[in-house]
Full PDB file with SEQRES, HELIX, SHEET, SSBOND, CRYST1, ORIGX, SCALE, CONECT and MASTER records, all heavy atoms in Angstrom:
SEQRES   1 A   37  PHE GLU GLU THR TYR PHE PRO GLY ASP ASP ALA THR ARG          
SEQRES   2 A   37  MET LEU TYR ARG SER PRO ALA MET TRP THR VAL ALA PRO          
SEQRES   3 A   37  GLY ASN GLY HIS ARG PHE PRO PRO GLY GLU HIS                  
HELIX    1 AA1 ASP A   10  THR A   12  1                                   3    
HELIX    2 AA2 ARG A   13  ARG A   17  3                                   5    
HELIX    3 AA3 MET A   21  THR A   23  5                                   3    
HELIX    4 AA4 VAL A   24  GLY A   27  1                                   4    
CRYST1    1.000    1.000    1.000  90.00  90.00  90.00 P 1           1          
ORIGX1      1.000000  0.000000  0.000000        0.00000                         
ORIGX2      0.000000  1.000000  0.000000        0.00000                         
ORIGX3      0.000000  0.000000  1.000000        0.00000                         
SCALE1      1.000000  0.000000  0.000000        0.00000                         
SCALE2      0.000000  1.000000  0.000000        0.00000                         
SCALE3      0.000000  0.000000  1.000000        0.00000                         
ATOM      1  N   PHE A   1      57.330  30.074  69.462  1.00  0.00           N  
ATOM      2  CA  PHE A   1      57.602  28.841  68.853  1.00  0.00           C  
ATOM      3  C   PHE A   1      56.523  28.525  67.844  1.00  0.00           C  
ATOM      4  O   PHE A   1      55.342  28.550  68.192  1.00  0.00           O  
ATOM      5  CB  PHE A   1      57.692  27.699  69.828  1.00  0.00           C  
ATOM      6  CG  PHE A   1      58.091  26.357  69.259  1.00  0.00           C  
ATOM      7  CD1 PHE A   1      59.376  25.984  69.265  1.00  0.00           C  
ATOM      8  CD2 PHE A   1      57.065  25.457  68.761  1.00  0.00           C  
ATOM      9  CE1 PHE A   1      59.726  24.666  68.704  1.00  0.00           C  
ATOM     10  CE2 PHE A   1      57.369  24.267  68.224  1.00  0.00           C  
ATOM     11  CZ  PHE A   1      58.742  23.878  68.167  1.00  0.00           C  
ATOM     12  N   GLU A   2      56.812  28.360  66.528  1.00  0.00           N  
ATOM     13  CA  GLU A   2      55.849  28.062  65.496  1.00  0.00           C  
ATOM     14  C   GLU A   2      55.833  26.582  65.176  1.00  0.00           C  
ATOM     15  O   GLU A   2      56.790  25.992  64.905  1.00  0.00           O  
ATOM     16  CB  GLU A   2      56.118  28.854  64.208  1.00  0.00           C  
ATOM     17  CG  GLU A   2      55.922  30.328  64.282  1.00  0.00           C  
ATOM     18  CD  GLU A   2      54.377  30.637  64.292  1.00  0.00           C  
ATOM     19  OE1 GLU A   2      53.583  29.810  63.882  1.00  0.00           O  
ATOM     20  OE2 GLU A   2      54.064  31.783  64.642  1.00  0.00           O  
ATOM     21  N   GLU A   3      54.606  25.956  65.293  1.00  0.00           N  
ATOM     22  CA  GLU A   3      54.455  24.526  65.053  1.00  0.00           C  
ATOM     23  C   GLU A   3      54.149  24.360  63.532  1.00  0.00           C  
ATOM     24  O   GLU A   3      53.100  23.934  63.037  1.00  0.00           O  
ATOM     25  CB  GLU A   3      53.271  23.974  65.815  1.00  0.00           C  
ATOM     26  CG  GLU A   3      53.122  22.469  65.720  1.00  0.00           C  
ATOM     27  CD  GLU A   3      54.108  21.692  66.647  1.00  0.00           C  
ATOM     28  OE1 GLU A   3      54.775  22.332  67.479  1.00  0.00           O  
ATOM     29  OE2 GLU A   3      54.152  20.479  66.559  1.00  0.00           O  
ATOM     30  N   THR A   4      55.216  24.687  62.721  1.00  0.00           N  
ATOM     31  CA  THR A   4      55.160  24.382  61.283  1.00  0.00           C  
ATOM     32  C   THR A   4      56.440  23.624  60.913  1.00  0.00           C  
ATOM     33  O   THR A   4      57.445  23.649  61.654  1.00  0.00           O  
ATOM     34  CB  THR A   4      55.159  25.720  60.466  1.00  0.00           C  
ATOM     35  OG1 THR A   4      56.254  26.597  60.889  1.00  0.00           O  
ATOM     36  CG2 THR A   4      53.822  26.500  60.677  1.00  0.00           C  
ATOM     37  N   TYR A   5      56.393  22.928  59.786  1.00  0.00           N  
ATOM     38  CA  TYR A   5      57.378  21.861  59.548  1.00  0.00           C  
ATOM     39  C   TYR A   5      58.132  22.126  58.186  1.00  0.00           C  
ATOM     40  O   TYR A   5      58.553  21.171  57.550  1.00  0.00           O  
ATOM     41  CB  TYR A   5      56.735  20.551  59.595  1.00  0.00           C  
ATOM     42  CG  TYR A   5      56.425  20.114  60.991  1.00  0.00           C  
ATOM     43  CD1 TYR A   5      55.183  20.516  61.512  1.00  0.00           C  
ATOM     44  CD2 TYR A   5      57.301  19.403  61.822  1.00  0.00           C  
ATOM     45  CE1 TYR A   5      54.876  20.166  62.861  1.00  0.00           C  
ATOM     46  CE2 TYR A   5      56.979  19.051  63.089  1.00  0.00           C  
ATOM     47  CZ  TYR A   5      55.685  19.426  63.605  1.00  0.00           C  
ATOM     48  OH  TYR A   5      55.421  19.131  64.940  1.00  0.00           O  
ATOM     49  N   PHE A   6      58.303  23.353  57.834  1.00  0.00           N  
ATOM     50  CA  PHE A   6      59.143  23.632  56.702  1.00  0.00           C  
ATOM     51  C   PHE A   6      60.560  23.721  57.112  1.00  0.00           C  
ATOM     52  O   PHE A   6      60.910  23.974  58.276  1.00  0.00           O  
ATOM     53  CB  PHE A   6      58.703  24.967  56.033  1.00  0.00           C  
ATOM     54  CG  PHE A   6      57.336  24.918  55.390  1.00  0.00           C  
ATOM     55  CD1 PHE A   6      56.267  25.486  55.990  1.00  0.00           C  
ATOM     56  CD2 PHE A   6      57.166  24.205  54.152  1.00  0.00           C  
ATOM     57  CE1 PHE A   6      54.991  25.375  55.391  1.00  0.00           C  
ATOM     58  CE2 PHE A   6      55.918  24.241  53.570  1.00  0.00           C  
ATOM     59  CZ  PHE A   6      54.831  24.777  54.170  1.00  0.00           C  
ATOM     60  N   PRO A   7      61.446  23.458  56.117  1.00  0.00           N  
ATOM     61  CA  PRO A   7      62.910  23.591  56.577  1.00  0.00           C  
ATOM     62  C   PRO A   7      63.292  24.981  57.200  1.00  0.00           C  
ATOM     63  O   PRO A   7      62.928  25.991  56.683  1.00  0.00           O  
ATOM     64  CB  PRO A   7      63.647  23.418  55.181  1.00  0.00           C  
ATOM     65  CG  PRO A   7      62.695  22.619  54.393  1.00  0.00           C  
ATOM     66  CD  PRO A   7      61.320  23.105  54.777  1.00  0.00           C  
ATOM     67  N   GLY A   8      64.006  24.863  58.322  1.00  0.00           N  
ATOM     68  CA  GLY A   8      64.391  26.116  58.974  1.00  0.00           C  
ATOM     69  C   GLY A   8      63.468  26.567  60.006  1.00  0.00           C  
ATOM     70  O   GLY A   8      63.730  27.462  60.800  1.00  0.00           O  
ATOM     71  N   ASP A   9      62.189  26.006  60.053  1.00  0.00           N  
ATOM     72  CA  ASP A   9      61.182  26.419  61.044  1.00  0.00           C  
ATOM     73  C   ASP A   9      61.561  25.872  62.398  1.00  0.00           C  
ATOM     74  O   ASP A   9      62.392  25.032  62.508  1.00  0.00           O  
ATOM     75  CB  ASP A   9      59.816  25.907  60.697  1.00  0.00           C  
ATOM     76  CG  ASP A   9      59.195  26.670  59.441  1.00  0.00           C  
ATOM     77  OD1 ASP A   9      59.834  27.684  59.055  1.00  0.00           O  
ATOM     78  OD2 ASP A   9      58.189  26.236  58.965  1.00  0.00           O  
ATOM     79  N   ASP A  10      60.877  26.393  63.417  1.00  0.00           N  
ATOM     80  CA  ASP A  10      61.189  26.063  64.784  1.00  0.00           C  
ATOM     81  C   ASP A  10      61.099  24.523  65.037  1.00  0.00           C  
ATOM     82  O   ASP A  10      62.004  23.926  65.602  1.00  0.00           O  
ATOM     83  CB  ASP A  10      60.242  26.794  65.805  1.00  0.00           C  
ATOM     84  CG  ASP A  10      60.470  28.260  65.820  1.00  0.00           C  
ATOM     85  OD1 ASP A  10      61.624  28.632  65.608  1.00  0.00           O  
ATOM     86  OD2 ASP A  10      59.463  28.959  65.983  1.00  0.00           O  
ATOM     87  N   ALA A  11      60.027  23.931  64.483  1.00  0.00           N  
ATOM     88  CA  ALA A  11      59.826  22.516  64.750  1.00  0.00           C  
ATOM     89  C   ALA A  11      60.852  21.603  64.142  1.00  0.00           C  
ATOM     90  O   ALA A  11      61.376  20.700  64.734  1.00  0.00           O  
ATOM     91  CB  ALA A  11      58.375  22.052  64.295  1.00  0.00           C  
ATOM     92  N   THR A  12      61.243  21.944  62.884  1.00  0.00           N  
ATOM     93  CA  THR A  12      62.185  21.099  62.201  1.00  0.00           C  
ATOM     94  C   THR A  12      63.579  21.366  62.762  1.00  0.00           C  
ATOM     95  O   THR A  12      64.434  20.479  62.884  1.00  0.00           O  
ATOM     96  CB  THR A  12      62.156  21.346  60.664  1.00  0.00           C  
ATOM     97  OG1 THR A  12      62.230  22.741  60.467  1.00  0.00           O  
ATOM     98  CG2 THR A  12      61.004  20.794  60.055  1.00  0.00           C  
ATOM     99  N   ARG A  13      63.841  22.595  63.211  1.00  0.00           N  
ATOM    100  CA  ARG A  13      65.187  22.922  63.846  1.00  0.00           C  
ATOM    101  C   ARG A  13      65.224  22.082  65.181  1.00  0.00           C  
ATOM    102  O   ARG A  13      66.298  21.579  65.550  1.00  0.00           O  
ATOM    103  CB  ARG A  13      65.221  24.388  64.086  1.00  0.00           C  
ATOM    104  CG  ARG A  13      66.525  24.815  64.823  1.00  0.00           C  
ATOM    105  CD  ARG A  13      66.718  26.351  64.663  1.00  0.00           C  
ATOM    106  NE  ARG A  13      65.603  27.087  65.120  1.00  0.00           N  
ATOM    107  CZ  ARG A  13      65.475  27.559  66.468  1.00  0.00           C  
ATOM    108  NH1 ARG A  13      66.437  27.245  67.269  1.00  0.00           N  
ATOM    109  NH2 ARG A  13      64.402  28.229  66.772  1.00  0.00           N  
ATOM    110  N   MET A  14      64.183  22.111  65.870  1.00  0.00           N  
ATOM    111  CA  MET A  14      64.105  21.342  67.132  1.00  0.00           C  
ATOM    112  C   MET A  14      64.340  19.858  66.917  1.00  0.00           C  
ATOM    113  O   MET A  14      65.071  19.197  67.648  1.00  0.00           O  
ATOM    114  CB  MET A  14      62.717  21.596  67.775  1.00  0.00           C  
ATOM    115  CG  MET A  14      62.558  20.802  69.148  1.00  0.00           C  
ATOM    116  SD  MET A  14      60.932  21.053  69.807  1.00  0.00           S  
ATOM    117  CE  MET A  14      59.897  20.141  68.602  1.00  0.00           C  
ATOM    118  N   LEU A  15      63.632  19.295  65.905  1.00  0.00           N  
ATOM    119  CA  LEU A  15      63.693  17.830  65.750  1.00  0.00           C  
ATOM    120  C   LEU A  15      64.947  17.287  65.085  1.00  0.00           C  
ATOM    121  O   LEU A  15      65.414  16.207  65.400  1.00  0.00           O  
ATOM    122  CB  LEU A  15      62.467  17.408  64.880  1.00  0.00           C  
ATOM    123  CG  LEU A  15      61.203  17.535  65.489  1.00  0.00           C  
ATOM    124  CD1 LEU A  15      59.972  17.300  64.472  1.00  0.00           C  
ATOM    125  CD2 LEU A  15      60.945  16.566  66.688  1.00  0.00           C  
ATOM    126  N   TYR A  16      65.441  18.102  64.125  1.00  0.00           N  
ATOM    127  CA  TYR A  16      66.565  17.625  63.290  1.00  0.00           C  
ATOM    128  C   TYR A  16      67.875  18.269  63.426  1.00  0.00           C  
ATOM    129  O   TYR A  16      68.870  17.861  62.888  1.00  0.00           O  
ATOM    130  CB  TYR A  16      66.086  17.590  61.803  1.00  0.00           C  
ATOM    131  CG  TYR A  16      64.824  16.790  61.647  1.00  0.00           C  
ATOM    132  CD1 TYR A  16      63.668  17.413  61.266  1.00  0.00           C  
ATOM    133  CD2 TYR A  16      64.789  15.459  61.850  1.00  0.00           C  
ATOM    134  CE1 TYR A  16      62.485  16.707  61.069  1.00  0.00           C  
ATOM    135  CE2 TYR A  16      63.687  14.683  61.625  1.00  0.00           C  
ATOM    136  CZ  TYR A  16      62.500  15.367  61.250  1.00  0.00           C  
ATOM    137  OH  TYR A  16      61.312  14.670  61.107  1.00  0.00           O  
ATOM    138  N   ARG A  17      67.895  19.458  64.018  1.00  0.00           N  
ATOM    139  CA  ARG A  17      69.179  20.138  64.129  1.00  0.00           C  
ATOM    140  C   ARG A  17      69.667  20.586  65.599  1.00  0.00           C  
ATOM    141  O   ARG A  17      70.646  21.165  65.717  1.00  0.00           O  
ATOM    142  CB  ARG A  17      69.017  21.535  63.352  1.00  0.00           C  
ATOM    143  CG  ARG A  17      68.542  21.223  61.920  1.00  0.00           C  
ATOM    144  CD  ARG A  17      68.521  22.485  61.068  1.00  0.00           C  
ATOM    145  NE  ARG A  17      69.871  22.887  60.775  1.00  0.00           N  
ATOM    146  CZ  ARG A  17      70.261  24.160  60.604  1.00  0.00           C  
ATOM    147  NH1 ARG A  17      69.437  25.172  60.716  1.00  0.00           N  
ATOM    148  NH2 ARG A  17      71.483  24.439  60.329  1.00  0.00           N  
ATOM    149  N   SER A  18      68.857  20.168  66.534  1.00  0.00           N  
ATOM    150  CA  SER A  18      69.158  20.593  67.975  1.00  0.00           C  
ATOM    151  C   SER A  18      69.551  19.347  68.696  1.00  0.00           C  
ATOM    152  O   SER A  18      68.826  18.347  68.811  1.00  0.00           O  
ATOM    153  CB  SER A  18      68.023  21.265  68.630  1.00  0.00           C  
ATOM    154  OG  SER A  18      68.285  21.456  69.967  1.00  0.00           O  
ATOM    155  N   PRO A  19      70.736  19.380  69.415  1.00  0.00           N  
ATOM    156  CA  PRO A  19      71.132  18.215  70.225  1.00  0.00           C  
ATOM    157  C   PRO A  19      70.288  18.114  71.551  1.00  0.00           C  
ATOM    158  O   PRO A  19      70.323  17.033  72.210  1.00  0.00           O  
ATOM    159  CB  PRO A  19      72.569  18.505  70.530  1.00  0.00           C  
ATOM    160  CG  PRO A  19      72.761  19.964  70.391  1.00  0.00           C  
ATOM    161  CD  PRO A  19      71.763  20.363  69.407  1.00  0.00           C  
ATOM    162  N   ALA A  20      69.635  19.151  71.930  1.00  0.00           N  
ATOM    163  CA  ALA A  20      68.780  19.144  73.087  1.00  0.00           C  
ATOM    164  C   ALA A  20      67.501  19.820  72.760  1.00  0.00           C  
ATOM    165  O   ALA A  20      67.292  21.069  72.819  1.00  0.00           O  
ATOM    166  CB  ALA A  20      69.476  19.830  74.300  1.00  0.00           C  
ATOM    167  N   MET A  21      66.405  19.055  72.311  1.00  0.00           N  
ATOM    168  CA  MET A  21      65.255  19.605  71.818  1.00  0.00           C  
ATOM    169  C   MET A  21      64.479  20.488  72.757  1.00  0.00           C  
ATOM    170  O   MET A  21      63.841  21.460  72.403  1.00  0.00           O  
ATOM    171  CB  MET A  21      64.283  18.457  71.327  1.00  0.00           C  
ATOM    172  CG  MET A  21      64.797  17.785  70.080  1.00  0.00           C  
ATOM    173  SD  MET A  21      63.527  16.716  69.286  1.00  0.00           S  
ATOM    174  CE  MET A  21      63.378  15.500  70.553  1.00  0.00           C  
ATOM    175  N   TRP A  22      64.669  20.212  74.138  1.00  0.00           N  
ATOM    176  CA  TRP A  22      63.874  21.006  75.114  1.00  0.00           C  
ATOM    177  C   TRP A  22      64.327  22.452  75.134  1.00  0.00           C  
ATOM    178  O   TRP A  22      63.582  23.297  75.687  1.00  0.00           O  
ATOM    179  CB  TRP A  22      63.949  20.368  76.425  1.00  0.00           C  
ATOM    180  CG  TRP A  22      65.319  20.393  77.079  1.00  0.00           C  
ATOM    181  CD1 TRP A  22      66.351  19.490  76.920  1.00  0.00           C  
ATOM    182  CD2 TRP A  22      65.822  21.356  77.998  1.00  0.00           C  
ATOM    183  NE1 TRP A  22      67.406  19.876  77.696  1.00  0.00           N  
ATOM    184  CE2 TRP A  22      67.100  21.054  78.346  1.00  0.00           C  
ATOM    185  CE3 TRP A  22      65.212  22.589  78.508  1.00  0.00           C  
ATOM    186  CZ2 TRP A  22      67.925  21.807  79.183  1.00  0.00           C  
ATOM    187  CZ3 TRP A  22      66.066  23.367  79.357  1.00  0.00           C  
ATOM    188  CH2 TRP A  22      67.413  23.002  79.653  1.00  0.00           C  
ATOM    189  N   THR A  23      65.460  22.734  74.689  1.00  0.00           N  
ATOM    190  CA  THR A  23      66.061  24.134  74.749  1.00  0.00           C  
ATOM    191  C   THR A  23      65.520  25.046  73.705  1.00  0.00           C  
ATOM    192  O   THR A  23      65.656  26.275  73.852  1.00  0.00           O  
ATOM    193  CB  THR A  23      67.566  24.064  74.732  1.00  0.00           C  
ATOM    194  OG1 THR A  23      68.007  23.640  73.319  1.00  0.00           O  
ATOM    195  CG2 THR A  23      68.155  23.242  75.747  1.00  0.00           C  
ATOM    196  N   VAL A  24      64.916  24.567  72.619  1.00  0.00           N  
ATOM    197  CA  VAL A  24      64.623  25.435  71.569  1.00  0.00           C  
ATOM    198  C   VAL A  24      63.545  26.435  71.915  1.00  0.00           C  
ATOM    199  O   VAL A  24      63.708  27.677  71.616  1.00  0.00           O  
ATOM    200  CB  VAL A  24      64.146  24.538  70.294  1.00  0.00           C  
ATOM    201  CG1 VAL A  24      63.631  25.393  69.136  1.00  0.00           C  
ATOM    202  CG2 VAL A  24      65.365  23.813  69.794  1.00  0.00           C  
ATOM    203  N   ALA A  25      62.389  25.995  72.389  1.00  0.00           N  
ATOM    204  CA  ALA A  25      61.344  26.929  72.726  1.00  0.00           C  
ATOM    205  C   ALA A  25      61.715  27.993  73.743  1.00  0.00           C  
ATOM    206  O   ALA A  25      61.508  29.233  73.481  1.00  0.00           O  
ATOM    207  CB  ALA A  25      60.097  26.158  73.227  1.00  0.00           C  
ATOM    208  N   PRO A  26      62.323  27.686  74.870  1.00  0.00           N  
ATOM    209  CA  PRO A  26      62.688  28.711  75.861  1.00  0.00           C  
ATOM    210  C   PRO A  26      63.787  29.647  75.210  1.00  0.00           C  
ATOM    211  O   PRO A  26      63.909  30.861  75.533  1.00  0.00           O  
ATOM    212  CB  PRO A  26      63.186  28.012  77.101  1.00  0.00           C  
ATOM    213  CG  PRO A  26      63.524  26.577  76.584  1.00  0.00           C  
ATOM    214  CD  PRO A  26      62.572  26.316  75.523  1.00  0.00           C  
ATOM    215  N   GLY A  27      64.627  29.074  74.348  1.00  0.00           N  
ATOM    216  CA  GLY A  27      65.678  29.892  73.658  1.00  0.00           C  
ATOM    217  C   GLY A  27      65.119  30.998  72.795  1.00  0.00           C  
ATOM    218  O   GLY A  27      65.831  31.896  72.471  1.00  0.00           O  
ATOM    219  N   ASN A  28      63.884  30.819  72.314  1.00  0.00           N  
ATOM    220  CA  ASN A  28      63.296  31.850  71.442  1.00  0.00           C  
ATOM    221  C   ASN A  28      62.701  32.999  72.147  1.00  0.00           C  
ATOM    222  O   ASN A  28      62.369  33.990  71.569  1.00  0.00           O  
ATOM    223  CB  ASN A  28      62.176  31.114  70.621  1.00  0.00           C  
ATOM    224  CG  ASN A  28      62.655  30.190  69.491  1.00  0.00           C  
ATOM    225  OD1 ASN A  28      63.864  30.166  69.315  1.00  0.00           O  
ATOM    226  ND2 ASN A  28      61.807  29.537  68.846  1.00  0.00           N  
ATOM    227  N   GLY A  29      62.539  32.895  73.494  1.00  0.00           N  
ATOM    228  CA  GLY A  29      61.955  33.944  74.262  1.00  0.00           C  
ATOM    229  C   GLY A  29      60.393  33.957  74.064  1.00  0.00           C  
ATOM    230  O   GLY A  29      59.857  33.053  73.488  1.00  0.00           O  
ATOM    231  N   HIS A  30      59.780  35.076  74.496  1.00  0.00           N  
ATOM    232  CA  HIS A  30      58.329  35.166  74.432  1.00  0.00           C  
ATOM    233  C   HIS A  30      57.836  36.015  73.278  1.00  0.00           C  
ATOM    234  O   HIS A  30      58.475  37.034  72.904  1.00  0.00           O  
ATOM    235  CB  HIS A  30      57.816  35.777  75.748  1.00  0.00           C  
ATOM    236  CG  HIS A  30      57.834  34.892  76.894  1.00  0.00           C  
ATOM    237  ND1 HIS A  30      56.831  33.986  77.215  1.00  0.00           N  
ATOM    238  CD2 HIS A  30      58.798  34.682  77.860  1.00  0.00           C  
ATOM    239  CE1 HIS A  30      57.142  33.338  78.302  1.00  0.00           C  
ATOM    240  NE2 HIS A  30      58.350  33.700  78.710  1.00  0.00           N  
ATOM    241  N   ARG A  31      56.653  35.617  72.746  1.00  0.00           N  
ATOM    242  CA  ARG A  31      55.835  36.496  71.880  1.00  0.00           C  
ATOM    243  C   ARG A  31      54.698  37.075  72.561  1.00  0.00           C  
ATOM    244  O   ARG A  31      54.197  38.171  72.292  1.00  0.00           O  
ATOM    245  CB  ARG A  31      55.385  35.645  70.713  1.00  0.00           C  
ATOM    246  CG  ARG A  31      54.634  36.463  69.715  1.00  0.00           C  
ATOM    247  CD  ARG A  31      54.003  35.628  68.532  1.00  0.00           C  
ATOM    248  NE  ARG A  31      55.143  34.905  67.785  1.00  0.00           N  
ATOM    249  CZ  ARG A  31      54.825  34.160  66.787  1.00  0.00           C  
ATOM    250  NH1 ARG A  31      53.583  33.907  66.423  1.00  0.00           N  
ATOM    251  NH2 ARG A  31      55.828  33.535  66.122  1.00  0.00           N  
ATOM    252  N   PHE A  32      54.187  36.343  73.638  1.00  0.00           N  
ATOM    253  CA  PHE A  32      53.126  36.836  74.407  1.00  0.00           C  
ATOM    254  C   PHE A  32      53.349  36.553  75.880  1.00  0.00           C  
ATOM    255  O   PHE A  32      54.169  35.627  76.177  1.00  0.00           O  
ATOM    256  CB  PHE A  32      51.731  36.053  74.114  1.00  0.00           C  
ATOM    257  CG  PHE A  32      51.372  36.225  72.653  1.00  0.00           C  
ATOM    258  CD1 PHE A  32      51.666  35.162  71.750  1.00  0.00           C  
ATOM    259  CD2 PHE A  32      50.623  37.265  72.195  1.00  0.00           C  
ATOM    260  CE1 PHE A  32      51.333  35.279  70.444  1.00  0.00           C  
ATOM    261  CE2 PHE A  32      50.236  37.418  70.866  1.00  0.00           C  
ATOM    262  CZ  PHE A  32      50.586  36.336  69.946  1.00  0.00           C  
ATOM    263  N   PRO A  33      52.813  37.294  76.826  1.00  0.00           N  
ATOM    264  CA  PRO A  33      53.010  36.924  78.235  1.00  0.00           C  
ATOM    265  C   PRO A  33      52.345  35.549  78.479  1.00  0.00           C  
ATOM    266  O   PRO A  33      51.362  35.186  77.821  1.00  0.00           O  
ATOM    267  CB  PRO A  33      52.211  38.048  78.950  1.00  0.00           C  
ATOM    268  CG  PRO A  33      52.149  39.163  77.983  1.00  0.00           C  
ATOM    269  CD  PRO A  33      52.089  38.549  76.595  1.00  0.00           C  
ATOM    270  N   PRO A  34      52.873  34.817  79.521  1.00  0.00           N  
ATOM    271  CA  PRO A  34      52.227  33.468  79.818  1.00  0.00           C  
ATOM    272  C   PRO A  34      50.817  33.620  80.188  1.00  0.00           C  
ATOM    273  O   PRO A  34      50.423  34.513  80.879  1.00  0.00           O  
ATOM    274  CB  PRO A  34      53.083  33.080  81.018  1.00  0.00           C  
ATOM    275  CG  PRO A  34      54.406  33.834  80.939  1.00  0.00           C  
ATOM    276  CD  PRO A  34      54.039  35.126  80.299  1.00  0.00           C  
ATOM    277  N   GLY A  35      49.994  32.658  79.779  1.00  0.00           N  
ATOM    278  CA  GLY A  35      48.591  32.540  80.101  1.00  0.00           C  
ATOM    279  C   GLY A  35      47.625  33.407  79.274  1.00  0.00           C  
ATOM    280  O   GLY A  35      46.464  33.338  79.575  1.00  0.00           O  
ATOM    281  N   GLU A  36      48.203  34.148  78.300  1.00  0.00           N  
ATOM    282  CA  GLU A  36      47.281  35.063  77.552  1.00  0.00           C  
ATOM    283  C   GLU A  36      46.943  34.591  76.136  1.00  0.00           C  
ATOM    284  O   GLU A  36      46.027  35.064  75.478  1.00  0.00           O  
ATOM    285  CB  GLU A  36      47.878  36.433  77.420  1.00  0.00           C  
ATOM    286  CG  GLU A  36      47.982  37.124  78.774  1.00  0.00           C  
ATOM    287  CD  GLU A  36      48.464  38.564  78.636  1.00  0.00           C  
ATOM    288  OE1 GLU A  36      48.555  39.029  77.558  1.00  0.00           O  
ATOM    289  OE2 GLU A  36      48.631  39.175  79.747  1.00  0.00           O  
ATOM    290  N   HIS A  37      47.685  33.511  75.631  1.00  0.00           N  
ATOM    291  CA  HIS A  37      47.447  33.161  74.238  1.00  0.00           C  
ATOM    292  C   HIS A  37      47.765  31.620  74.058  1.00  0.00           C  
ATOM    293  O   HIS A  37      48.829  31.106  74.508  1.00  0.00           O  
ATOM    294  CB  HIS A  37      48.480  33.930  73.359  1.00  0.00           C  
ATOM    295  CG  HIS A  37      48.348  33.623  71.908  1.00  0.00           C  
ATOM    296  ND1 HIS A  37      47.345  34.128  71.082  1.00  0.00           N  
ATOM    297  CD2 HIS A  37      49.095  32.809  71.081  1.00  0.00           C  
ATOM    298  CE1 HIS A  37      47.527  33.676  69.843  1.00  0.00           C  
ATOM    299  NE2 HIS A  37      48.602  32.827  69.828  1.00  0.00           N  
TER     300      HIS A  37                                                      
MASTER        0    0    0    4    0    0    0    6  299    1    0    3          
END                                                                             
């Protein structure tokens, strides 16, 4: 999940295009293992 606010980015998709904001980050899967980054 990228905390950037350009159109189409994760954060703007979460805030303005998703009916359930909490689902966006887990729906993206992992970039790193938990606890390492």
